[in-house]
Structures are given as structure tokens and as C-alpha cells.
């Protein structure tokens, strides 16, 4: 792995760490907290809809480059935490499932179309909008006997890990050359978007 790729991944990891600090700071180490953390961690990686969206966010961030590599994933994690706490608190949010599936389609298309010139603020707002739906779904499905803060720390950490994986994939693809890299990245984005359409239509 090149020094440039390693540097970008370190930045993404640091940004994820800073985004996770508030939740981790309040998480404890009791049995209920460990139970909540493990359930929270497994929730994002246990659903193909969440995994595809998180990885797509990372690839999108890598496509944009620069500050977006850490700012876009950090925006997603932060807004997802807001949605998660709304869900844990029992605050309703309309069209959650549609928002989650829609995020797969939209983010897949963004990657497929190579939206590399998107303003940073617009990119952060886009992923943050969808993050609220993902977070709300995590929050509403929290086990009744779990610690809310530990559960939130778990799903935030898992999400950050998936973002970092997406950033790594995006940066690795970018090293394949000016001809192959765009084609492979666009094909990957198209697969994500088509999968989202399949989920939306009930085919998958």
C-alpha cells in the first residue's frame, strides 16, 4: 500500500475516532453495556442494505479526495448518531425503510456517475440526510435490555469501519490507472445501485 493511501486511511480512521468519542466516552463496561455494544456493532454489518450504503459512502469520499475523505464519513457517523438516539428515544420518523433503500440507489449512482466535483458541503449534506434514516433504524431495533449509549457506540464503530473499508476500496481502485479505475469504480457503483433497486422492488 502506498504512503498516500496509508495517509488517507489514517485520516479517515482518525475522523471516525473523533466522531465516535462522545458515545464511547459515556459507554461503561458492565454486562448490560457489553451486551448493548455487541448488538449495536453487529446491527450495521448484519444487513446488506446498511453494508452497501456504508461502503458506498467511503468510495464516494475517496472519489472526492482531499478533506472529503474524512469529512464525508464523519458527517454520516455524526448524523447517524442523531437518528439513532431519536430511534432509541421512541421518536418517530417517516419513510425510514424507503430512506435506507433509497440511500443505496442514490449513493450507488453517485459513485457510478463519478460525481467527483461535488462541493464538500453538498456531499456531507447528502450522506448526512440518509444517515439519519440508518441511525433511526438502528435505534428502534435496540434490544430492551441493552445500554443505549453502549449500543450506539457499537453501531457507530461498525459504521466507521465500513466507511474506512469503502475509502480503502476507492483509493485502491484509483491506483489502477486512468482507464481501468473509472470503469471499475463506475461498475461497482452500478452494482450497488441495481442492488438497491432490487431491494426497493422486493426482487432481492
Protein backbone atom coordinates (compact mmCIF):
# COMPACT_ATOMS: atom_id res chain seq x y z
CA UNK A 1 0.00 0.00 0.00
CA UNK A 2 1.41 3.39 -0.98
CA UNK A 3 2.22 6.06 1.57
CA UNK A 4 -0.51 8.30 0.10
CA UNK A 5 -3.19 5.63 0.51
CA UNK A 6 -2.00 4.85 4.04
CA UNK A 7 -2.12 8.53 4.93
CA UNK A 8 -5.68 8.88 3.62
CA UNK A 9 -6.80 5.80 5.54
CA UNK A 10 -5.21 7.10 8.73
CA UNK A 11 -7.08 10.37 8.32
CA UNK A 12 -10.35 8.54 7.79
CA UNK A 13 -9.70 6.40 10.86
CA UNK A 14 -8.88 9.45 12.98
CA UNK A 15 -12.02 11.24 11.79
CA UNK A 16 -14.09 8.19 12.66
CA UNK A 17 -12.45 8.07 16.07
CA UNK A 18 -13.29 11.70 16.79
CA UNK A 19 -16.87 11.16 15.65
CA UNK A 20 -17.15 8.17 17.99
CA UNK A 21 -15.62 9.83 21.05
CA UNK A 22 -18.86 11.23 22.54
CA UNK A 23 -20.56 7.84 22.54
CA UNK A 24 -17.51 5.94 23.69
CA UNK A 25 -16.88 8.41 26.48
CA UNK A 26 -20.23 7.57 28.06
CA UNK A 27 -20.15 3.82 27.46
CA UNK A 28 -19.41 1.68 30.52
CA UNK A 29 -18.06 -1.83 30.95
CA UNK A 30 -20.88 -3.66 32.74
CA UNK A 31 -22.59 -6.76 31.40
CA UNK A 32 -25.53 -4.76 30.04
CA UNK A 33 -23.18 -2.40 28.29
CA UNK A 34 -21.18 -5.22 26.72
CA UNK A 35 -24.45 -6.76 25.57
CA UNK A 36 -25.57 -3.46 24.09
CA UNK A 37 -22.25 -2.79 22.40
CA UNK A 38 -22.10 -6.20 20.73
CA UNK A 39 -25.67 -5.91 19.44
CA UNK A 40 -25.03 -2.38 18.23
CA UNK A 41 -21.84 -3.42 16.46
CA UNK A 42 -23.48 -6.35 14.69
CA UNK A 43 -26.56 -4.44 13.52
CA UNK A 44 -24.96 -2.49 10.62
CA UNK A 45 -22.81 -5.36 9.40
CA UNK A 46 -25.68 -7.84 9.64
CA UNK A 47 -27.76 -6.19 6.92
CA UNK A 48 -26.80 -5.95 3.26
CA UNK A 49 -28.65 -2.63 2.96
CA UNK A 50 -26.53 -0.99 5.66
CA UNK A 51 -23.28 -2.52 4.41
CA UNK A 52 -23.78 -1.38 0.82
CA UNK A 53 -24.65 2.17 1.86
CA UNK A 54 -21.72 2.49 4.28
CA UNK A 55 -19.18 1.17 1.79
CA UNK A 56 -20.61 3.40 -0.93
CA UNK A 57 -20.13 6.43 1.33
CA UNK A 58 -16.47 5.50 1.72
CA UNK A 59 -15.95 5.03 -2.02
CA UNK A 60 -17.71 8.35 -2.71
CA UNK A 61 -15.42 10.08 -0.21
CA UNK A 62 -12.36 8.54 -1.87
CA UNK A 63 -13.59 9.74 -5.27
CA UNK A 64 -13.88 13.29 -3.99
CA UNK A 65 -10.47 13.16 -2.32
CA UNK A 66 -8.90 15.78 -0.10
CA UNK A 67 -10.81 16.72 3.05
CA UNK A 68 -13.83 14.77 1.84
CA UNK A 69 -12.03 11.51 2.64
CA UNK A 70 -12.57 12.11 6.34
CA UNK A 71 -15.30 14.78 6.37
CA UNK A 72 -17.92 12.84 4.39
CA UNK A 73 -17.76 9.65 6.52
CA UNK A 74 -17.58 11.74 9.71
CA UNK A 75 -20.73 13.59 8.64
CA UNK A 76 -22.52 10.28 8.12
CA UNK A 77 -21.47 8.91 11.53
CA UNK A 78 -22.46 12.11 13.34
CA UNK A 79 -25.93 12.39 11.73
CA UNK A 80 -26.47 8.66 12.11
CA UNK A 81 -25.93 9.10 15.86
CA UNK A 82 -28.66 11.74 15.88
CA UNK A 83 -31.04 9.37 14.10
CA UNK A 84 -30.03 6.55 16.44
CA UNK A 85 -30.82 8.50 19.57
CA UNK A 86 -34.17 9.55 18.08
CA UNK A 87 -34.96 5.88 17.49
CA UNK A 88 -33.83 4.86 20.97
CA UNK A 89 -35.99 7.64 22.45
CA UNK A 90 -39.01 6.39 20.51
CA UNK A 91 -39.32 9.48 18.33
CA UNK A 92 -40.99 8.50 15.08
CA UNK A 93 -39.50 9.20 11.65
CA UNK A 94 -41.47 8.62 8.42
CA UNK A 95 -40.25 6.58 5.46
CA UNK A 96 -37.27 5.04 7.29
CA UNK A 97 -37.08 1.90 5.15
CA UNK A 98 -37.53 3.92 1.98
CA UNK A 99 -34.77 6.26 3.10
CA UNK A 100 -32.41 3.35 3.74
CA UNK A 101 -33.06 1.63 0.42
CA UNK A 102 -33.06 4.97 -1.36
CA UNK A 103 -29.61 5.68 0.05
CA UNK A 104 -28.26 2.57 -1.65
CA UNK A 105 -29.67 3.61 -5.00
CA UNK A 106 -28.58 7.24 -4.76
CA UNK A 107 -25.11 6.60 -3.37
CA UNK A 108 -24.55 3.83 -5.90
CA UNK A 109 -25.50 6.22 -8.70
CA UNK A 110 -23.26 8.93 -7.28
CA UNK A 111 -20.33 6.52 -7.40
CA UNK A 112 -21.30 5.16 -10.82
CA UNK A 113 -21.62 8.62 -12.33
CA UNK A 114 -18.31 9.74 -10.86
CA UNK A 115 -19.60 12.87 -9.10
CA UNK A 116 -16.06 13.99 -8.32
CA UNK A 117 -16.69 17.72 -8.47
CA UNK A 118 -19.41 17.81 -5.85
CA UNK A 119 -18.98 20.63 -3.31
CA UNK A 120 -17.87 19.25 0.04
CA UNK A 121 -20.87 20.74 1.85
CA UNK A 122 -23.29 19.18 -0.62
CA UNK A 123 -21.63 15.77 -0.29
CA UNK A 124 -21.75 15.95 3.51
CA UNK A 125 -25.40 17.05 3.44
CA UNK A 126 -26.34 14.22 1.07
CA UNK A 127 -24.80 11.43 3.13
CA UNK A 128 -25.96 13.07 6.37
CA UNK A 129 -29.55 13.09 5.17
CA UNK A 130 -29.52 9.35 4.56
CA UNK A 131 -27.54 8.71 7.73
CA UNK A 132 -30.48 9.82 9.88
CA UNK A 133 -32.63 7.00 8.45
CA UNK A 134 -29.94 4.38 9.02
CA UNK A 135 -29.39 5.59 12.56
CA UNK A 136 -33.11 5.62 13.34
CA UNK A 137 -33.41 2.01 12.18
CA UNK A 138 -30.51 1.01 14.43
CA UNK A 139 -32.05 2.84 17.38
CA UNK A 140 -35.55 1.42 17.08
CA UNK A 141 -34.19 -2.14 16.91
CA UNK A 142 -32.12 -1.86 20.08
CA UNK A 143 -32.78 -4.77 22.49
CA UNK A 144 -34.85 -3.73 25.50
CA UNK A 145 -32.18 -4.83 28.00
CA UNK A 146 -29.26 -3.12 26.24
CA UNK A 147 -27.49 0.07 27.29
CA UNK A 148 -28.46 2.79 24.83
CA UNK A 149 -25.09 4.53 24.84
CA UNK A 150 -23.11 1.31 24.52
CA UNK A 151 -25.43 0.17 21.74
CA UNK A 152 -24.90 3.50 19.93
CA UNK A 153 -21.15 3.21 20.36
CA UNK A 154 -21.32 -0.24 18.78
CA UNK A 155 -23.24 0.74 15.65
CA UNK A 156 -21.17 3.90 15.23
CA UNK A 157 -17.92 1.94 15.41
CA UNK A 158 -19.15 -0.68 12.93
CA UNK A 159 -20.31 2.05 10.56
CA UNK A 160 -16.97 3.83 10.76
CA UNK A 161 -15.20 0.56 9.99
CA UNK A 162 -17.36 0.03 6.91
CA UNK A 163 -16.64 3.60 5.80
CA UNK A 164 -12.91 3.01 6.14
CA UNK A 165 -13.26 -0.18 4.10
CA UNK A 166 -15.06 1.81 1.40
CA UNK A 167 -12.38 4.50 1.42
CA UNK A 168 -9.74 1.80 1.06
CA UNK A 169 -11.57 0.23 -1.87
CA UNK A 170 -11.99 3.60 -3.56
CA UNK A 171 -8.36 4.58 -3.14
CA UNK A 172 -7.15 1.16 -4.26
CA UNK A 173 -9.29 1.35 -7.39
CA UNK A 174 -7.91 4.81 -8.07
CA UNK A 175 -4.42 3.34 -8.32
CA UNK A 176 -5.33 1.06 -11.21
CA UNK A 177 -4.79 3.68 -13.88
CA UNK A 178 -6.76 6.37 -15.67
CA UNK A 179 -8.55 3.84 -17.91
CA UNK A 180 -9.34 0.93 -15.62
CA UNK A 181 -10.01 2.84 -12.40
CA UNK A 182 -13.06 4.85 -13.56
CA UNK A 183 -14.61 1.86 -15.31
CA UNK A 184 -14.26 -0.45 -12.33
CA UNK A 185 -15.46 2.20 -9.89
CA UNK A 186 -18.46 3.00 -12.07
CA UNK A 187 -19.26 -0.68 -12.44
CA UNK A 188 -19.10 -1.13 -8.68
CA UNK A 189 -21.39 1.85 -8.15
CA UNK A 190 -23.82 0.46 -10.73
CA UNK A 191 -23.93 -2.89 -8.92
CA UNK A 192 -24.74 -1.09 -5.65
CA UNK A 193 -27.49 0.99 -7.29
CA UNK A 194 -29.04 -2.02 -9.05
CA UNK A 195 -28.99 -3.97 -5.78
CA UNK A 196 -30.79 -1.08 -4.14
CA UNK A 197 -33.43 -1.12 -6.86
CA UNK A 198 -33.80 -4.86 -6.32
CA UNK A 199 -34.35 -4.31 -2.60
CA UNK A 200 -36.79 -1.50 -3.34
CA UNK A 201 -38.84 -3.63 -5.71
CA UNK A 202 -38.73 -6.70 -3.46
CA UNK A 203 -36.84 -8.80 -6.03
CA UNK A 204 -33.93 -9.17 -3.59
